[in-house]
Amino acid sequence: MSQVETMLKSAGFSNISTVSGKSDRHQEFFCTAGITDFAYALENARHD
């Protein structure tokens, strides 16, 4: 399990199985959840 998955699960997103898909899908999910700033930070952090 990735660090991001751990963060999401601990934040209550227990239905998240992976966050390694397409960025636009992530952003759509996080916009729906109302935490776009968090999504933006995650997307930037993933590019290593």
PDB file of N, CA and C in Angstrom:
ATOM      1  N   MET A   1       0.847  -1.196   0.000  1.00  0.00           N
ATOM      2  CA  MET A   1       0.000   0.000   0.000  1.00  0.00           C
ATOM      3  C   MET A   1       0.882   1.246   0.000  1.00  0.00           C
ATOM      4  N   SER A   2       0.536   2.191  -0.849  1.00  0.00           N
ATOM      5  CA  SER A   2       1.333   3.410  -0.954  1.00  0.00           C
ATOM      6  C   SER A   2       1.051   4.354   0.210  1.00  0.00           C
ATOM      7  N   GLN A   3       1.938   5.333   0.360  1.00  0.00           N
ATOM      8  CA  GLN A   3       1.752   6.338   1.410  1.00  0.00           C
ATOM      9  C   GLN A   3       0.457   7.108   1.187  1.00  0.00           C
ATOM     10  N   VAL A   4       0.168   7.403  -0.080  1.00  0.00           N
ATOM     11  CA  VAL A   4      -1.051   8.143  -0.405  1.00  0.00           C
ATOM     12  C   VAL A   4      -2.287   7.333  -0.034  1.00  0.00           C
ATOM     13  N   GLU A   5      -2.274   6.035  -0.368  1.00  0.00           N
ATOM     14  CA  GLU A   5      -3.405   5.182   0.003  1.00  0.00           C
ATOM     15  C   GLU A   5      -3.600   5.159   1.513  1.00  0.00           C
ATOM     16  N   THR A   6      -2.499   5.065   2.243  1.00  0.00           N
ATOM     17  CA  THR A   6      -2.558   5.063   3.703  1.00  0.00           C
ATOM     18  C   THR A   6      -3.179   6.355   4.216  1.00  0.00           C
ATOM     19  N   MET A   7      -2.761   7.476   3.641  1.00  0.00           N
ATOM     20  CA  MET A   7      -3.302   8.781   4.025  1.00  0.00           C
ATOM     21  C   MET A   7      -4.803   8.832   3.771  1.00  0.00           C
ATOM     22  N   LEU A   8      -5.214   8.384   2.581  1.00  0.00           N
ATOM     23  CA  LEU A   8      -6.630   8.421   2.230  1.00  0.00           C
ATOM     24  C   LEU A   8      -7.450   7.521   3.140  1.00  0.00           C
ATOM     25  N   LYS A   9      -6.967   6.316   3.379  1.00  0.00           N
ATOM     26  CA  LYS A   9      -7.698   5.390   4.243  1.00  0.00           C
ATOM     27  C   LYS A   9      -7.820   5.949   5.654  1.00  0.00           C
ATOM     28  N   SER A  10      -6.749   6.550   6.162  1.00  0.00           N
ATOM     29  CA  SER A  10      -6.793   7.118   7.509  1.00  0.00           C
ATOM     30  C   SER A  10      -7.704   8.337   7.564  1.00  0.00           C
ATOM     31  N   ALA A  11      -7.916   8.966   6.403  1.00  0.00           N
ATOM     32  CA  ALA A  11      -8.815  10.118   6.327  1.00  0.00           C
ATOM     33  C   ALA A  11     -10.270   9.689   6.142  1.00  0.00           C
ATOM     34  N   GLY A  12     -10.497   8.385   6.020  1.00  0.00           N
ATOM     35  CA  GLY A  12     -11.863   7.881   5.924  1.00  0.00           C
ATOM     36  C   GLY A  12     -12.258   7.404   4.538  1.00  0.00           C
ATOM     37  N   PHE A  13     -11.326   7.427   3.585  1.00  0.00           N
ATOM     38  CA  PHE A  13     -11.642   6.981   2.232  1.00  0.00           C
ATOM     39  C   PHE A  13     -11.319   5.493   2.086  1.00  0.00           C
ATOM     40  N   SER A  14     -12.045   4.668   2.835  1.00  0.00           N
ATOM     41  CA  SER A  14     -11.720   3.244   2.901  1.00  0.00           C
ATOM     42  C   SER A  14     -12.014   2.506   1.600  1.00  0.00           C
ATOM     43  N   ASN A  15     -12.800   3.115   0.708  1.00  0.00           N
ATOM     44  CA  ASN A  15     -13.122   2.453  -0.552  1.00  0.00           C
ATOM     45  C   ASN A  15     -12.067   2.670  -1.631  1.00  0.00           C
ATOM     46  N   ILE A  16     -11.044   3.457  -1.324  1.00  0.00           N
ATOM     47  CA  ILE A  16      -9.972   3.695  -2.282  1.00  0.00           C
ATOM     48  C   ILE A  16      -9.058   2.477  -2.321  1.00  0.00           C
ATOM     49  N   SER A  17      -8.934   1.866  -3.486  1.00  0.00           N
ATOM     50  CA  SER A  17      -8.056   0.702  -3.608  1.00  0.00           C
ATOM     51  C   SER A  17      -6.720   1.095  -4.203  1.00  0.00           C
ATOM     52  N   THR A  18      -6.729   2.126  -5.033  1.00  0.00           N
ATOM     53  CA  THR A  18      -5.486   2.618  -5.624  1.00  0.00           C
ATOM     54  C   THR A  18      -5.678   4.054  -6.060  1.00  0.00           C
ATOM     55  N   VAL A  19      -4.580   4.780  -6.151  1.00  0.00           N
ATOM     56  CA  VAL A  19      -4.643   6.157  -6.630  1.00  0.00           C
ATOM     57  C   VAL A  19      -3.607   6.351  -7.731  1.00  0.00           C
ATOM     58  N   SER A  20      -3.325   5.256  -8.451  1.00  0.00           N
ATOM     59  CA  SER A  20      -2.280   5.305  -9.467  1.00  0.00           C
ATOM     60  C   SER A  20      -2.863   5.351 -10.878  1.00  0.00           C
ATOM     61  N   GLY A  21      -4.118   5.779 -10.982  1.00  0.00           N
ATOM     62  CA  GLY A  21      -4.761   5.852 -12.288  1.00  0.00           C
ATOM     63  C   GLY A  21      -4.520   7.181 -12.968  1.00  0.00           C
ATOM     64  N   LYS A  22      -5.491   7.617 -13.748  1.00  0.00           N
ATOM     65  CA  LYS A  22      -5.334   8.867 -14.495  1.00  0.00           C
ATOM     66  C   LYS A  22      -5.602  10.079 -13.612  1.00  0.00           C
ATOM     67  N   SER A  23      -4.833  11.137 -13.848  1.00  0.00           N
ATOM     68  CA  SER A  23      -4.927  12.345 -13.034  1.00  0.00           C
ATOM     69  C   SER A  23      -6.315  12.974 -13.096  1.00  0.00           C
ATOM     70  N   ASP A  24      -6.918  13.001 -14.298  1.00  0.00           N
ATOM     71  CA  ASP A  24      -8.221  13.657 -14.424  1.00  0.00           C
ATOM     72  C   ASP A  24      -9.277  12.928 -13.601  1.00  0.00           C
ATOM     73  N   ARG A  25      -9.136  11.625 -13.493  1.00  0.00           N
ATOM     74  CA  ARG A  25     -10.081  10.875 -12.668  1.00  0.00           C
ATOM     75  C   ARG A  25      -9.890  11.208 -11.189  1.00  0.00           C
ATOM     76  N   HIS A  26      -8.633  11.341 -10.766  1.00  0.00           N
ATOM     77  CA  HIS A  26      -8.339  11.739  -9.383  1.00  0.00           C
ATOM     78  C   HIS A  26      -8.970  13.087  -9.085  1.00  0.00           C
ATOM     79  N   GLN A  27      -8.728  14.032  -9.964  1.00  0.00           N
ATOM     80  CA  GLN A  27      -9.223  15.385  -9.746  1.00  0.00           C
ATOM     81  C   GLN A  27     -10.745  15.403  -9.683  1.00  0.00           C
ATOM     82  N   GLU A  28     -11.379  14.589 -10.536  1.00  0.00           N
ATOM     83  CA  GLU A  28     -12.838  14.520 -10.515  1.00  0.00           C
ATOM     84  C   GLU A  28     -13.327  13.999  -9.163  1.00  0.00           C
ATOM     85  N   PHE A  29     -12.666  12.960  -8.660  1.00  0.00           N
ATOM     86  CA  PHE A  29     -13.033  12.399  -7.355  1.00  0.00           C
ATOM     87  C   PHE A  29     -12.861  13.429  -6.249  1.00  0.00           C
ATOM     88  N   PHE A  30     -11.689  14.072  -6.237  1.00  0.00           N
ATOM     89  CA  PHE A  30     -11.406  15.009  -5.161  1.00  0.00           C
ATOM     90  C   PHE A  30     -12.276  16.259  -5.252  1.00  0.00           C
ATOM     91  N   CYS A  31     -12.612  16.678  -6.461  1.00  0.00           N
ATOM     92  CA  CYS A  31     -13.542  17.799  -6.608  1.00  0.00           C
ATOM     93  C   CYS A  31     -14.891  17.424  -6.003  1.00  0.00           C
ATOM     94  N   THR A  32     -15.322  16.185  -6.272  1.00  0.00           N
ATOM     95  CA  THR A  32     -16.585  15.707  -5.721  1.00  0.00           C
ATOM     96  C   THR A  32     -16.525  15.663  -4.203  1.00  0.00           C
ATOM     97  N   ALA A  33     -15.364  15.303  -3.681  1.00  0.00           N
ATOM     98  CA  ALA A  33     -15.195  15.218  -2.232  1.00  0.00           C
ATOM     99  C   ALA A  33     -14.991  16.595  -1.598  1.00  0.00           C
ATOM    100  N   GLY A  34     -14.735  17.600  -2.431  1.00  0.00           N
ATOM    101  CA  GLY A  34     -14.590  18.957  -1.921  1.00  0.00           C
ATOM    102  C   GLY A  34     -13.217  19.258  -1.369  1.00  0.00           C
ATOM    103  N   ILE A  35     -12.210  18.517  -1.822  1.00  0.00           N
ATOM    104  CA  ILE A  35     -10.848  18.760  -1.331  1.00  0.00           C
ATOM    105  C   ILE A  35      -9.885  18.879  -2.499  1.00  0.00           C
ATOM    106  N   THR A  36     -10.160  19.831  -3.379  1.00  0.00           N
ATOM    107  CA  THR A  36      -9.361  19.999  -4.587  1.00  0.00           C
ATOM    108  C   THR A  36      -7.928  20.401  -4.280  1.00  0.00           C
ATOM    109  N   ASP A  37      -7.719  21.179  -3.224  1.00  0.00           N
ATOM    110  CA  ASP A  37      -6.356  21.573  -2.862  1.00  0.00           C
ATOM    111  C   ASP A  37      -5.526  20.349  -2.497  1.00  0.00           C
ATOM    112  N   PHE A  38      -6.139  19.416  -1.781  1.00  0.00           N
ATOM    113  CA  PHE A  38      -5.457  18.183  -1.401  1.00  0.00           C
ATOM    114  C   PHE A  38      -5.131  17.367  -2.648  1.00  0.00           C
ATOM    115  N   ALA A  39      -6.081  17.297  -3.569  1.00  0.00           N
ATOM    116  CA  ALA A  39      -5.865  16.563  -4.814  1.00  0.00           C
ATOM    117  C   ALA A  39      -4.717  17.173  -5.608  1.00  0.00           C
ATOM    118  N   TYR A  40      -4.687  18.493  -5.657  1.00  0.00           N
ATOM    119  CA  TYR A  40      -3.632  19.187  -6.392  1.00  0.00           C
ATOM    120  C   TYR A  40      -2.264  18.895  -5.776  1.00  0.00           C
ATOM    121  N   ALA A  41      -2.206  18.923  -4.451  1.00  0.00           N
ATOM    122  CA  ALA A  41      -0.961  18.620  -3.750  1.00  0.00           C
ATOM    123  C   ALA A  41      -0.530  17.179  -4.005  1.00  0.00           C
ATOM    124  N   LEU A  42      -1.481  16.259  -4.004  1.00  0.00           N
ATOM    125  CA  LEU A  42      -1.177  14.850  -4.269  1.00  0.00           C
ATOM    126  C   LEU A  42      -0.617  14.664  -5.672  1.00  0.00           C
ATOM    127  N   GLU A  43      -1.264  15.292  -6.638  1.00  0.00           N
ATOM    128  CA  GLU A  43      -0.823  15.152  -8.025  1.00  0.00           C
ATOM    129  C   GLU A  43       0.611  15.647  -8.190  1.00  0.00           C
ATOM    130  N   ASN A  44       0.928  16.769  -7.562  1.00  0.00           N
ATOM    131  CA  ASN A  44       2.285  17.305  -7.649  1.00  0.00           C
ATOM    132  C   ASN A  44       3.288  16.408  -6.937  1.00  0.00           C
ATOM    133  N   ALA A  45       2.887  15.849  -5.805  1.00  0.00           N
ATOM    134  CA  ALA A  45       3.782  15.007  -5.020  1.00  0.00           C
ATOM    135  C   ALA A  45       4.094  13.694  -5.730  1.00  0.00           C
ATOM    136  N   ARG A  46       3.213  13.248  -6.597  1.00  0.00           N
ATOM    137  CA  ARG A  46       3.389  11.968  -7.274  1.00  0.00           C
ATOM    138  C   ARG A  46       4.474  11.999  -8.336  1.00  0.00           C
ATOM    139  N   HIS A  47       4.815  13.177  -8.835  1.00  0.00           N
ATOM    140  CA  HIS A  47       5.812  13.278  -9.909  1.00  0.00           C
ATOM    141  C   HIS A  47       7.212  13.350  -9.323  1.00  0.00           C
ATOM    142  N   ASP A  48       7.841  12.185  -9.170  1.00  0.00           N
ATOM    143  CA  ASP A  48       9.158  12.155  -8.540  1.00  0.00           C
ATOM    144  C   ASP A  48      10.245  11.760  -9.519  1.00  0.00           C
TER     145      ASP A  48
END
